[in-house]
């Protein structure tokens, strides 16, 4: 204010509500002619959400030169940066290792790209994470409402200041006249978001398989004499019938088949008992591709707010309805796992969605539905828990752009939907997912979530395809990812028997990635060596994974 920089001291919050799973708090601060009032919550996974109101202290218009919120992270923790935005499989995103010795500016949203942010004004991205596979700090907001977005000032910036790496959010980047109160909302959380459960390497994965049969596309509509689903896919949670009175009977028939399948397979294949194309597993599109039920009257009433231009908002009433149906699918229909495709950060520009806001020039600045999706997956986890299904019940597909606020309530992410024509491309799968990207975004330990991989290669040469898939498998194994259903089933889709016999599913296994392995090293930086140990066995049991990062030169 007036060319003078002031740091606003933050007081101790006042707890206003305590429950087993969430506390609520308030807080106030003031300085430089401004007042600040916060209301917020912290939930059982550690996420903190804040609504912060700032205003001129005396109620009179005030010129503010700049306003920023800074989050310092210890430099030995903030080794990597990840920031994701819109674009789905080809999202505008950055996932990289930060230069260890560089001081000053390390990254801004201009590096990821202002056009990629898809804002009417500014370069707001919903997500910035700083950390490593051991711990980290994540910031997320669905919208820059309450900010003063500007095309010339990056919304987010990361700098190194001495021993700290600092995330800076530029709420006000240029002098503005603040004439009244403004409200902004944001969240933060420490990573990993939760412990990986016992035995996770044998079941924390996901796959689709049931967008149509057997749940859809099998029954005949007696009124038309044709199948309810003629072709393509559907998103119905309910059994195939437009008459809800029939659903209970149909679910009971499905449950008998599903229960028998799970009982027969569970003893020797935990993941397979919950996946595959059968009644115990259901696939959905989280966003788009049609309604989640066949109840026409319900969607005639709620449809406009539930599906904004065909995209699922997952607002409160929509979540209520979905949980009602999913609880019945679990308890009455024998479903034990679900797969949610298109689980991406999605922008909504329509005012009807309740996720956008109007700019001074009349345009609508879009916002995300990701915190709505967090609430959806939180409630889904609770419904699954009531049916005795956790952990291992929920998977999402999120190539390149995970819905990070929801990950504490998800068991596995399926990444890697990129098709390679290996007859003509001069690159391979590893080139597209380099070690910096994997280290910054795709290690299960970073988030406490299993990460598995699609494997799409186009070629008429079966030997070449097998070689490409094998190389991909060995590379993702280096990052402690062992269940990958889209790889070669006979050799790589499951953990190899020799690795399982070594004891990889032991709950005490310790993983040391190649970038942090002091025990077995190479002078060649392209020779990657990851290490697994089982402590407490004398000198400890050791397993090495060795990978040649240079695909052109033998090592």
Protein backbone atom coordinates (compact mmCIF):
# COMPACT_ATOMS: atom_id res chain seq x y z
CA UNK A 1 0.00 0.00 0.00
CA UNK A 2 1.49 3.35 -0.99
CA UNK A 3 4.70 1.65 -2.10
CA UNK A 4 5.28 0.11 1.34
CA UNK A 5 5.26 -3.68 1.67
CA UNK A 6 3.61 -5.04 4.82
CA UNK A 7 3.47 -8.64 6.05
CA UNK A 8 0.12 -9.33 7.70
CA UNK A 9 0.54 -11.32 10.95
CA UNK A 10 -1.86 -14.25 11.21
CA UNK A 11 -3.45 -14.91 14.59
CA UNK A 12 -4.47 -18.18 16.17
CA UNK A 13 -7.73 -19.59 14.76
CA UNK A 14 -10.82 -20.07 16.91
CA UNK A 15 -12.33 -23.55 16.74
CA UNK A 16 -16.09 -23.28 16.29
CA UNK A 17 -17.06 -26.93 15.74
CA UNK A 18 -15.48 -30.33 16.39
CA UNK A 19 -16.60 -33.65 14.94
CA UNK A 20 -14.79 -36.94 14.40
CA UNK A 21 -14.13 -36.10 10.78
CA UNK A 22 -13.98 -32.30 10.54
CA UNK A 23 -13.31 -29.19 12.57
CA UNK A 24 -14.43 -25.68 11.65
CA UNK A 25 -12.62 -22.49 12.57
CA UNK A 26 -12.61 -18.71 12.15
CA UNK A 27 -9.84 -16.16 12.24
CA UNK A 28 -9.18 -12.47 11.72
CA UNK A 29 -6.21 -10.26 10.90
CA UNK A 30 -5.55 -6.71 9.81
CA UNK A 31 -2.78 -4.51 8.52
CA UNK A 32 -1.88 -1.95 5.83
CA UNK A 33 -5.37 -0.53 5.94
CA UNK A 34 -7.03 -3.88 5.26
CA UNK A 35 -9.06 -6.31 7.34
CA UNK A 36 -9.15 -10.06 6.81
CA UNK A 37 -11.77 -12.52 8.06
CA UNK A 38 -11.49 -16.25 7.48
CA UNK A 39 -13.87 -19.15 7.95
CA UNK A 40 -12.64 -22.62 7.25
CA UNK A 41 -12.47 -26.33 7.95
CA UNK A 42 -9.97 -29.14 8.28
CA UNK A 43 -11.12 -32.66 7.45
CA UNK A 44 -9.82 -36.03 8.53
CA UNK A 45 -7.46 -36.42 5.58
CA UNK A 46 -5.77 -33.16 6.58
CA UNK A 47 -7.18 -30.92 3.86
CA UNK A 48 -7.80 -27.34 4.97
CA UNK A 49 -10.37 -25.17 3.19
CA UNK A 50 -10.59 -21.43 3.70
CA UNK A 51 -12.93 -18.66 2.62
CA UNK A 52 -11.03 -15.42 3.09
CA UNK A 53 -12.74 -12.01 3.00
CA UNK A 54 -10.55 -8.94 2.62
CA UNK A 55 -11.75 -5.33 2.64
CA UNK A 56 -10.65 -1.74 3.35
CA UNK A 57 -10.49 -1.29 7.12
CA UNK A 58 -12.49 1.95 7.27
CA UNK A 59 -14.92 1.03 4.49
CA UNK A 60 -13.54 3.69 2.14
CA UNK A 61 -11.99 2.85 -1.26
CA UNK A 62 -8.30 2.04 -0.95
CA UNK A 63 -5.57 1.77 -3.60
CA UNK A 64 -3.78 -1.55 -3.22
CA UNK A 65 -0.53 -1.89 -5.17
CA UNK A 66 -0.31 -5.65 -4.78
CA UNK A 67 -1.61 -8.48 -2.61
CA UNK A 68 -0.06 -11.91 -2.52
CA UNK A 69 -0.26 -15.01 -0.34
CA UNK A 70 2.99 -16.94 0.11
CA UNK A 71 3.50 -20.55 1.17
CA UNK A 72 7.13 -21.42 2.03
CA UNK A 73 8.18 -25.08 1.76
CA UNK A 74 11.51 -26.46 2.96
CA UNK A 75 13.93 -26.69 0.06
CA UNK A 76 14.90 -30.30 0.83
CA UNK A 77 11.21 -31.21 0.50
CA UNK A 78 10.27 -29.07 -2.52
CA UNK A 79 12.37 -31.02 -5.00
CA UNK A 80 9.58 -31.24 -7.58
CA UNK A 81 6.66 -29.21 -8.89
CA UNK A 82 3.36 -30.32 -10.38
CA UNK A 83 0.62 -28.04 -11.69
CA UNK A 84 -2.35 -29.25 -13.73
CA UNK A 85 -5.09 -27.43 -15.58
CA UNK A 86 -7.73 -28.10 -18.25
CA UNK A 87 -7.33 -30.19 -21.37
CA UNK A 88 -8.04 -33.75 -20.17
CA UNK A 89 -5.64 -36.31 -21.70
CA UNK A 90 -3.64 -33.47 -23.22
CA UNK A 91 -3.95 -31.08 -20.30
CA UNK A 92 -1.98 -27.90 -19.88
CA UNK A 93 0.30 -29.08 -17.10
CA UNK A 94 3.81 -29.03 -15.71
CA UNK A 95 5.42 -31.87 -13.79
CA UNK A 96 9.13 -31.40 -13.31
CA UNK A 97 12.13 -31.52 -11.01
CA UNK A 98 13.12 -28.04 -9.81
CA UNK A 99 16.74 -26.87 -10.28
CA UNK A 100 18.36 -27.56 -6.93
CA UNK A 101 20.84 -24.68 -6.82
CA UNK A 102 18.96 -21.89 -8.57
CA UNK A 103 17.78 -18.93 -6.50
CA UNK A 104 14.94 -16.58 -7.46
CA UNK A 105 12.12 -17.41 -9.84
CA UNK A 106 11.82 -21.12 -10.71
CA UNK A 107 8.42 -21.27 -12.44
CA UNK A 108 5.26 -19.32 -13.17
CA UNK A 109 1.99 -20.18 -14.83
CA UNK A 110 3.31 -18.38 -17.90
CA UNK A 111 5.77 -21.28 -18.28
CA UNK A 112 2.89 -23.73 -18.38
CA UNK A 113 1.01 -21.30 -20.62
CA UNK A 114 -1.55 -18.56 -20.17
CA UNK A 115 -3.67 -19.80 -23.13
CA UNK A 116 -3.67 -23.27 -21.58
CA UNK A 117 -5.34 -21.91 -18.46
CA UNK A 118 -8.47 -21.21 -20.57
CA UNK A 119 -9.40 -18.18 -18.47
CA UNK A 120 -11.14 -15.15 -19.94
CA UNK A 121 -8.60 -13.03 -18.07
CA UNK A 122 -5.40 -14.09 -16.33
CA UNK A 123 -3.45 -17.31 -15.97
CA UNK A 124 -5.16 -19.03 -13.04
CA UNK A 125 -4.47 -22.75 -12.66
CA UNK A 126 -6.31 -24.70 -9.95
CA UNK A 127 -3.34 -26.68 -8.68
CA UNK A 128 0.26 -26.29 -7.52
CA UNK A 129 2.15 -28.96 -5.58
CA UNK A 130 5.71 -28.77 -4.22
CA UNK A 131 7.35 -31.82 -2.74
CA UNK A 132 8.86 -35.25 -3.28
CA UNK A 133 7.75 -38.86 -2.88
CA UNK A 134 8.17 -38.55 0.90
CA UNK A 135 6.19 -35.38 1.66
CA UNK A 136 4.89 -32.25 0.04
CA UNK A 137 2.50 -29.29 0.06
CA UNK A 138 -0.48 -28.99 -2.29
CA UNK A 139 -2.57 -25.90 -3.02
CA UNK A 140 -5.89 -26.11 -4.86
CA UNK A 141 -8.74 -23.72 -5.66
CA UNK A 142 -11.66 -24.16 -8.06
CA UNK A 143 -11.76 -20.49 -9.06
CA UNK A 144 -9.95 -17.16 -8.89
CA UNK A 145 -13.14 -15.42 -7.77
CA UNK A 146 -12.15 -12.63 -5.39
CA UNK A 147 -8.79 -12.12 -7.12
CA UNK A 148 -7.98 -9.35 -9.60
CA UNK A 149 -6.88 -11.50 -12.57
CA UNK A 150 -4.46 -9.89 -15.01
CA UNK A 151 -2.98 -11.06 -18.29
CA UNK A 152 0.43 -9.55 -17.53
CA UNK A 153 1.00 -10.90 -14.01
CA UNK A 154 1.24 -14.68 -13.48
CA UNK A 155 -1.43 -16.00 -11.12
CA UNK A 156 1.07 -18.38 -9.50
CA UNK A 157 4.81 -18.21 -9.12
CA UNK A 158 7.41 -20.40 -7.42
CA UNK A 159 10.70 -18.93 -6.22
CA UNK A 160 13.66 -20.11 -4.18
CA UNK A 161 14.52 -17.79 -1.31
CA UNK A 162 17.53 -19.11 0.57
CA UNK A 163 16.67 -22.55 1.94
CA UNK A 164 12.92 -22.26 1.20
CA UNK A 165 10.93 -22.74 -1.99
CA UNK A 166 7.96 -20.38 -1.96
CA UNK A 167 4.62 -20.67 -3.76
CA UNK A 168 3.28 -17.16 -4.40
CA UNK A 169 -0.32 -16.50 -5.41
CA UNK A 170 -0.69 -13.03 -6.90
CA UNK A 171 -4.17 -12.09 -5.73
CA UNK A 172 -3.62 -8.48 -6.87
CA UNK A 173 -0.77 -8.03 -9.31
CA UNK A 174 -1.13 -4.36 -10.26
CA UNK A 175 -2.49 -1.31 -8.42
CA UNK A 176 -6.29 -1.46 -8.09
CA UNK A 177 -8.97 0.51 -6.31
CA UNK A 178 -10.45 -1.80 -3.65
CA UNK A 179 -13.89 -0.35 -3.01
CA UNK A 180 -15.44 -3.12 -0.93
CA UNK A 181 -15.11 -6.61 0.49
CA UNK A 182 -14.03 -9.49 -1.75
CA UNK A 183 -14.10 -13.21 -0.97
CA UNK A 184 -11.79 -15.93 -2.25
CA UNK A 185 -11.67 -19.64 -1.46
CA UNK A 186 -8.78 -22.10 -1.56
CA UNK A 187 -7.48 -25.31 0.03
CA UNK A 188 -4.20 -26.88 1.01
CA UNK A 189 -3.10 -30.31 2.17
CA UNK A 190 0.12 -32.17 2.97
CA UNK A 191 1.14 -35.16 0.88
CA UNK A 192 1.03 -38.11 0.93
CA UNK A 193 -2.70 -37.85 1.52
CA UNK A 194 -3.02 -41.20 3.26
CA UNK A 195 -0.96 -44.33 4.03
CA UNK A 196 -0.88 -46.99 1.35
CA UNK A 197 -2.88 -49.95 2.73
CA UNK A 198 -1.42 -53.33 3.56
CA UNK A 199 -0.88 -55.40 0.41
CA UNK A 200 -1.56 -52.43 -1.90
CA UNK A 201 0.89 -53.60 -4.58
CA UNK A 202 -1.43 -56.56 -5.30
CA UNK A 203 -4.74 -54.70 -5.65
CA UNK A 204 -4.34 -50.89 -5.91
CA UNK A 205 -5.08 -50.67 -9.63
CA UNK A 206 -8.10 -50.11 -11.86
CA UNK A 207 -9.49 -50.79 -15.33
CA UNK A 208 -12.70 -50.11 -17.24
CA UNK A 209 -14.35 -53.01 -19.08
CA UNK A 210 -18.04 -52.55 -18.25
CA UNK A 211 -19.21 -49.37 -19.98
CA UNK A 212 -21.71 -51.59 -21.80
CA UNK A 213 -22.06 -55.32 -21.08
CA UNK A 214 -23.00 -56.93 -18.79
CA UNK A 215 -24.73 -54.07 -16.93
CA UNK A 216 -25.92 -52.32 -20.09
CA UNK A 217 -26.71 -53.53 -23.56
CA UNK A 218 -27.99 -56.98 -22.58
CA UNK A 219 -31.71 -56.64 -21.76
CA UNK A 220 -34.64 -56.25 -24.15
CA UNK A 221 -37.12 -53.42 -23.65
CA UNK A 222 -40.54 -55.16 -23.78
CA UNK A 223 -42.16 -52.01 -25.17
CA UNK A 224 -39.91 -51.83 -28.21
CA UNK A 225 -38.60 -55.37 -28.60
CA UNK A 226 -35.10 -53.94 -28.85
CA UNK A 227 -32.22 -53.72 -26.40
CA UNK A 228 -32.30 -50.77 -24.03
CA UNK A 229 -28.78 -49.92 -25.24
CA UNK A 230 -28.38 -50.54 -28.95
CA UNK A 231 -24.71 -49.57 -29.24
CA UNK A 232 -22.03 -47.49 -27.59
CA UNK A 233 -21.86 -46.95 -23.85
CA UNK A 234 -24.14 -45.74 -21.05
CA UNK A 235 -23.70 -44.41 -17.53
CA UNK A 236 -26.74 -45.87 -15.78
CA UNK A 237 -26.10 -46.90 -12.17
CA UNK A 238 -29.42 -48.75 -12.06
CA UNK A 239 -30.17 -52.09 -13.77
CA UNK A 240 -31.48 -51.93 -17.34
CA UNK A 241 -35.11 -50.97 -16.92
CA UNK A 242 -37.06 -47.74 -17.07
CA UNK A 243 -39.28 -49.07 -14.28
CA UNK A 244 -37.67 -48.59 -10.83
CA UNK A 245 -40.06 -51.20 -9.42
CA UNK A 246 -38.07 -53.86 -11.33
CA UNK A 247 -34.67 -52.78 -10.08
CA UNK A 248 -34.69 -54.73 -6.81
CA UNK A 249 -35.38 -58.04 -8.57
CA UNK A 250 -32.76 -57.35 -11.24
CA UNK A 251 -30.16 -56.36 -8.68
CA UNK A 252 -30.81 -59.56 -6.73
CA UNK A 253 -30.17 -61.62 -9.88
CA UNK A 254 -26.94 -59.75 -10.51
CA UNK A 255 -25.78 -60.12 -6.91
CA UNK A 256 -26.02 -63.90 -7.02
CA UNK A 257 -23.67 -63.98 -10.02
CA UNK A 258 -21.36 -61.30 -8.65
CA UNK A 259 -20.97 -62.91 -5.22
CA UNK A 260 -20.14 -66.29 -6.73
CA UNK A 261 -17.48 -64.74 -8.98
CA UNK A 262 -15.83 -62.82 -6.12
CA UNK A 263 -15.83 -65.83 -3.82
CA UNK A 264 -14.30 -68.05 -6.48
CA UNK A 265 -11.51 -65.63 -7.45
CA UNK A 266 -10.68 -63.63 -4.33
CA UNK A 267 -8.36 -66.22 -2.75
CA UNK A 268 -5.77 -66.08 -5.54
CA UNK A 269 -6.36 -62.76 -7.35
CA UNK A 270 -7.43 -59.79 -5.23
CA UNK A 271 -7.42 -57.36 -8.14
CA UNK A 272 -9.06 -59.75 -10.60
CA UNK A 273 -11.87 -60.47 -8.13
CA UNK A 274 -12.85 -56.81 -8.32
CA UNK A 275 -12.20 -56.09 -11.99
CA UNK A 276 -12.87 -57.70 -15.40
CA UNK A 277 -16.06 -57.69 -17.45
CA UNK A 278 -18.56 -59.11 -14.98
CA UNK A 279 -21.36 -58.15 -12.61
CA UNK A 280 -19.19 -57.24 -9.62
CA UNK A 281 -17.53 -54.31 -11.45
CA UNK A 282 -19.08 -51.16 -12.95
CA UNK A 283 -17.53 -48.49 -15.20
CA UNK A 284 -18.76 -44.91 -15.52
CA UNK A 285 -17.74 -41.62 -17.05
CA UNK A 286 -17.35 -39.17 -14.19
CA UNK A 287 -17.92 -36.27 -16.58
CA UNK A 288 -20.25 -36.40 -19.58
CA UNK A 289 -21.45 -39.25 -21.80
CA UNK A 290 -24.98 -39.28 -20.50
CA UNK A 291 -27.14 -39.54 -17.42
CA UNK A 292 -26.38 -41.69 -14.40
CA UNK A 293 -29.82 -43.30 -14.32
CA UNK A 294 -32.83 -44.10 -16.50
CA UNK A 295 -35.33 -42.14 -14.38
CA UNK A 296 -36.63 -39.63 -16.91
CA UNK A 297 -38.75 -37.64 -14.45
CA UNK A 298 -35.83 -37.08 -12.09
CA UNK A 299 -33.64 -35.73 -14.85
CA UNK A 300 -36.42 -33.59 -16.29
CA UNK A 301 -36.54 -31.81 -12.94
CA UNK A 302 -32.86 -31.70 -11.95
CA UNK A 303 -31.10 -32.25 -15.26
CA UNK A 304 -30.20 -28.65 -16.10
CA UNK A 305 -28.26 -28.13 -12.87
CA UNK A 306 -26.83 -31.65 -12.73
CA UNK A 307 -25.64 -31.76 -16.33
CA UNK A 308 -24.50 -28.33 -17.48
CA UNK A 309 -24.17 -28.65 -21.28
CA UNK A 310 -23.81 -32.39 -20.75
CA UNK A 311 -21.06 -32.12 -18.13
CA UNK A 312 -21.66 -33.42 -14.60
CA UNK A 313 -21.48 -30.65 -11.98
CA UNK A 314 -21.75 -33.09 -9.03
CA UNK A 315 -23.57 -30.51 -6.96
CA UNK A 316 -25.10 -31.53 -3.58
CA UNK A 317 -28.47 -32.81 -4.81
CA UNK A 318 -26.78 -34.75 -7.62
CA UNK A 319 -24.44 -36.39 -5.10
CA UNK A 320 -27.40 -37.32 -2.89
CA UNK A 321 -29.13 -39.03 -5.78
CA UNK A 322 -26.02 -40.88 -6.94
CA UNK A 323 -25.26 -42.18 -3.43
CA UNK A 324 -28.80 -43.54 -3.13
CA UNK A 325 -28.33 -45.56 -6.32
CA UNK A 326 -24.74 -46.62 -5.64
CA UNK A 327 -25.63 -47.85 -2.16
CA UNK A 328 -28.26 -50.09 -3.72
CA UNK A 329 -25.82 -51.29 -6.38
CA UNK A 330 -23.36 -52.32 -3.62
CA UNK A 331 -25.82 -53.76 -1.12
CA UNK A 332 -28.44 -55.26 -3.46
CA UNK A 333 -26.51 -55.74 -6.70
CA UNK A 334 -23.21 -57.24 -5.53
CA UNK A 335 -21.03 -54.52 -7.07
CA UNK A 336 -17.67 -54.38 -5.28
CA UNK A 337 -15.70 -51.90 -7.40
CA UNK A 338 -16.23 -48.90 -9.66
CA UNK A 339 -14.13 -47.24 -12.34
CA UNK A 340 -14.61 -43.55 -13.15
CA UNK A 341 -13.38 -42.50 -16.56
CA UNK A 342 -12.65 -38.87 -17.53
CA UNK A 343 -11.71 -37.90 -13.98
CA UNK A 344 -10.13 -34.60 -14.94
CA UNK A 345 -10.22 -30.99 -13.75
CA UNK A 346 -13.15 -29.66 -15.81
CA UNK A 347 -14.01 -26.00 -16.39
CA UNK A 348 -17.58 -24.67 -16.35
CA UNK A 349 -18.36 -21.26 -17.83
CA UNK A 350 -22.15 -21.32 -17.55
CA UNK A 351 -23.68 -19.32 -14.65
CA UNK A 352 -26.20 -22.14 -14.18
CA UNK A 353 -23.41 -24.42 -12.97
CA UNK A 354 -22.73 -22.15 -9.97
CA UNK A 355 -19.02 -22.58 -10.65
CA UNK A 356 -18.25 -19.46 -12.72
CA UNK A 357 -18.45 -15.76 -11.89
CA UNK A 358 -19.06 -12.56 -13.83
CA UNK A 359 -16.17 -10.23 -14.65
CA UNK A 360 -16.60 -6.43 -14.61
CA UNK A 361 -16.89 -6.40 -18.43
CA UNK A 362 -19.80 -8.88 -18.35
CA UNK A 363 -17.92 -11.99 -19.43
CA UNK A 364 -18.03 -15.14 -17.29
CA UNK A 365 -14.78 -16.41 -15.81
CA UNK A 366 -14.96 -20.22 -15.67
CA UNK A 367 -14.41 -22.33 -12.58
CA UNK A 368 -13.80 -25.99 -11.82
CA UNK A 369 -16.06 -28.64 -10.29
CA UNK A 370 -13.17 -30.53 -8.66
CA UNK A 371 -14.09 -29.81 -5.04
CA UNK A 372 -17.59 -31.06 -5.90
CA UNK A 373 -15.88 -34.21 -7.18
CA UNK A 374 -13.97 -34.45 -3.91
CA UNK A 375 -17.28 -34.43 -2.03
CA UNK A 376 -18.61 -37.09 -4.41
CA UNK A 377 -15.68 -39.44 -3.78
CA UNK A 378 -15.73 -38.76 -0.04
CA UNK A 379 -19.33 -39.87 0.11
CA UNK A 380 -18.68 -42.79 -2.22
CA UNK A 381 -15.92 -43.95 0.16
CA UNK A 382 -18.36 -43.72 3.09
CA UNK A 383 -21.03 -45.74 1.26
CA UNK A 384 -18.43 -48.35 0.29
CA UNK A 385 -17.20 -48.49 3.88
CA UNK A 386 -20.73 -49.11 5.13
CA UNK A 387 -20.84 -52.06 2.73
CA UNK A 388 -17.45 -53.43 3.85
CA UNK A 389 -15.70 -52.75 0.53
CA UNK A 390 -12.73 -50.49 1.43
CA UNK A 391 -9.92 -50.41 0.50
CA UNK A 392 -9.54 -51.29 -3.17
CA UNK A 393 -12.99 -50.31 -4.42
CA UNK A 394 -12.52 -47.06 -6.38
CA UNK A 395 -10.41 -46.24 -9.42
CA UNK A 396 -10.25 -43.29 -11.79
CA UNK A 397 -8.80 -42.67 -15.22
CA UNK A 398 -6.82 -39.43 -15.27
CA UNK A 399 -4.14 -39.29 -17.92
CA UNK A 400 -1.88 -36.27 -17.31
CA UNK A 401 -4.32 -34.38 -15.04
CA UNK A 402 -5.38 -36.04 -11.77
CA UNK A 403 -8.23 -34.65 -9.67
CA UNK A 404 -5.88 -34.13 -6.75
CA UNK A 405 -8.35 -33.01 -4.05
CA UNK A 406 -10.27 -36.27 -4.50
CA UNK A 407 -7.22 -38.57 -4.34
CA UNK A 408 -7.45 -39.14 -0.57
CA UNK A 409 -10.72 -40.99 -1.30
CA UNK A 410 -9.53 -42.96 -4.33
CA UNK A 411 -7.60 -46.25 -4.38
CA UNK A 412 -5.96 -46.08 -7.80
CA UNK A 413 -5.42 -43.86 -10.82
CA UNK A 414 -5.11 -45.18 -14.37
CA UNK A 415 -2.71 -42.99 -16.37
CA UNK A 416 -1.01 -43.25 -19.76
CA UNK A 417 -3.73 -43.11 -22.43
CA UNK A 418 -1.46 -42.24 -25.33
CA UNK A 419 -1.33 -44.34 -28.51
CA UNK A 420 2.05 -44.82 -30.16
CA UNK A 421 2.48 -45.92 -33.78
CA UNK A 422 5.84 -47.54 -33.22
CA UNK A 423 6.28 -48.28 -36.93
CA UNK A 424 6.68 -44.56 -37.70
CA UNK A 425 7.41 -42.70 -34.44
CA UNK A 426 10.98 -41.80 -33.54
CA UNK A 427 9.99 -41.73 -29.85
CA UNK A 428 8.67 -44.32 -27.45
CA UNK A 429 6.52 -44.42 -24.31
CA UNK A 430 9.37 -43.51 -21.97
CA UNK A 431 10.15 -40.40 -24.04
CA UNK A 432 6.62 -39.14 -23.42
CA UNK A 433 6.76 -39.98 -19.69
CA UNK A 434 10.35 -38.97 -18.82
CA UNK A 435 11.82 -39.59 -15.42
CA UNK A 436 11.22 -35.98 -14.33
CA UNK A 437 7.49 -36.30 -15.01
CA UNK A 438 7.30 -39.68 -13.28
CA UNK A 439 9.22 -38.45 -10.26
CA UNK A 440 7.07 -35.32 -9.90
CA UNK A 441 3.66 -36.89 -10.44
CA UNK A 442 3.43 -40.64 -10.80
CA UNK A 443 4.95 -42.45 -7.83
CA UNK A 444 2.28 -44.11 -5.64
CA UNK A 445 4.06 -43.08 -2.44
CA UNK A 446 3.76 -39.38 -3.32
CA UNK A 447 -0.02 -39.37 -2.95
CA UNK A 448 -0.80 -42.61 -1.09
CA UNK A 449 -2.63 -43.84 -4.20
CA UNK A 450 -1.86 -46.75 -6.55
CA UNK A 451 -0.91 -45.68 -10.07
CA UNK A 452 -1.32 -48.03 -13.01
CA UNK A 453 -0.79 -47.55 -16.71
CA UNK A 454 -2.48 -47.97 -20.05
CA UNK A 455 -0.34 -49.39 -22.87
CA UNK A 456 -1.42 -48.51 -26.40
CA UNK A 457 0.90 -49.34 -29.28
CA UNK A 458 -0.02 -49.52 -32.96
CA UNK A 459 1.96 -51.90 -35.13
CA UNK A 460 1.44 -55.05 -37.19
CA UNK A 461 4.65 -56.48 -35.76
CA UNK A 462 3.72 -58.57 -32.71
CA UNK A 463 7.35 -58.91 -31.65
CA UNK A 464 7.89 -55.17 -31.75
CA UNK A 465 4.73 -54.56 -29.71
CA UNK A 466 5.78 -57.11 -27.07
CA UNK A 467 9.18 -55.47 -26.82
CA UNK A 468 7.61 -52.01 -26.41
CA UNK A 469 5.17 -53.19 -23.74
CA UNK A 470 7.93 -55.02 -21.88
CA UNK A 471 10.09 -51.90 -21.85
CA UNK A 472 7.15 -49.87 -20.52
CA UNK A 473 6.46 -52.47 -17.82
CA UNK A 474 10.04 -52.50 -16.60
CA UNK A 475 10.08 -48.69 -16.52
CA UNK A 476 6.92 -48.33 -14.41
CA UNK A 477 8.16 -51.08 -12.10
CA UNK A 478 11.09 -48.78 -11.35
CA UNK A 479 8.49 -46.39 -9.87
CA UNK A 480 6.89 -49.14 -7.71
CA UNK A 481 3.82 -49.74 -9.91
CA UNK A 482 3.07 -53.48 -10.20
CA UNK A 483 -0.54 -54.07 -11.32
CA UNK A 484 -0.97 -52.78 -14.88
CA UNK A 485 -3.88 -54.58 -16.57
CA UNK A 486 -3.23 -53.08 -20.01
CA UNK A 487 0.27 -54.51 -20.30
CA UNK A 488 1.11 -58.05 -21.45
CA UNK A 489 -1.08 -60.29 -19.30
CA UNK A 490 1.22 -63.32 -19.38
CA UNK A 491 4.34 -61.44 -18.30
CA UNK A 492 3.68 -57.91 -17.10
CA UNK A 493 0.05 -57.10 -16.24
CA UNK A 494 0.52 -58.63 -12.79
CA UNK A 495 3.51 -58.73 -10.49
CA UNK A 496 5.89 -61.43 -11.83
CA UNK A 497 5.98 -64.57 -9.70
CA UNK A 498 9.70 -64.18 -9.03
CA UNK A 499 9.09 -60.70 -7.58
CA UNK A 500 6.13 -61.92 -5.53
CA UNK A 501 8.16 -64.89 -4.26
CA UNK A 502 10.93 -62.50 -3.21
CA UNK A 503 8.37 -60.91 -0.88
CA UNK A 504 7.26 -57.72 -2.63
CA UNK A 505 3.80 -57.96 -1.04
CA UNK A 506 5.32 -58.00 2.45
CA UNK A 507 3.90 -55.03 4.41
CA UNK A 508 7.40 -54.03 5.56
CA UNK A 509 8.90 -53.62 2.08
CA UNK A 510 10.82 -50.34 1.74
CA UNK A 511 11.17 -48.69 -1.67
CA UNK A 512 14.17 -46.51 -2.52
CA UNK A 513 13.79 -44.86 -5.95
CA UNK A 514 16.68 -44.51 -8.37
CA UNK A 515 17.03 -40.78 -7.74
CA UNK A 516 17.52 -41.39 -3.98
CA UNK A 517 19.47 -44.64 -3.92
CA UNK A 518 22.82 -44.24 -2.11
CA UNK A 519 23.44 -47.97 -1.80
CA UNK A 520 23.80 -49.10 -5.42
CA UNK A 521 24.85 -46.42 -7.87
CA UNK A 522 26.35 -45.99 -11.32
CA UNK A 523 28.63 -43.36 -12.81
CA UNK A 524 26.37 -43.46 -15.86
CA UNK A 525 23.35 -41.17 -15.21
CA UNK A 526 21.29 -43.12 -17.75
CA UNK A 527 21.57 -46.35 -15.77
CA UNK A 528 18.71 -46.17 -13.26
CA UNK A 529 18.81 -48.37 -10.14
CA UNK A 530 15.84 -48.64 -7.77
CA UNK A 531 16.04 -50.73 -4.62
CA UNK A 532 13.56 -52.59 -2.42
CA UNK A 533 14.41 -54.06 0.98
CA UNK A 534 12.66 -56.03 3.68
CA UNK A 535 14.10 -54.81 6.99
CA UNK A 536 14.50 -56.96 10.04
CA UNK A 537 15.96 -59.99 8.28
CA UNK A 538 19.55 -59.84 9.40
CA UNK A 539 21.32 -57.85 6.71
CA UNK A 540 17.88 -57.32 5.07
CA UNK A 541 16.53 -58.86 1.91
CA UNK A 542 17.35 -56.75 -1.17
CA UNK A 543 15.87 -56.50 -4.68
CA UNK A 544 17.35 -54.30 -7.42
CA UNK A 545 15.60 -52.89 -10.46
CA UNK A 546 17.97 -51.71 -13.21
CA UNK A 547 16.81 -49.79 -16.29
CA UNK A 548 18.71 -48.39 -19.26
CA UNK A 549 17.23 -44.94 -19.87
CA UNK A 550 19.01 -44.70 -23.24
CA UNK A 551 16.90 -46.67 -25.74
CA UNK A 552 19.50 -46.36 -28.51
CA UNK A 553 22.68 -47.49 -26.77
CA UNK A 554 23.19 -50.73 -24.87
CA UNK A 555 24.72 -50.33 -21.41
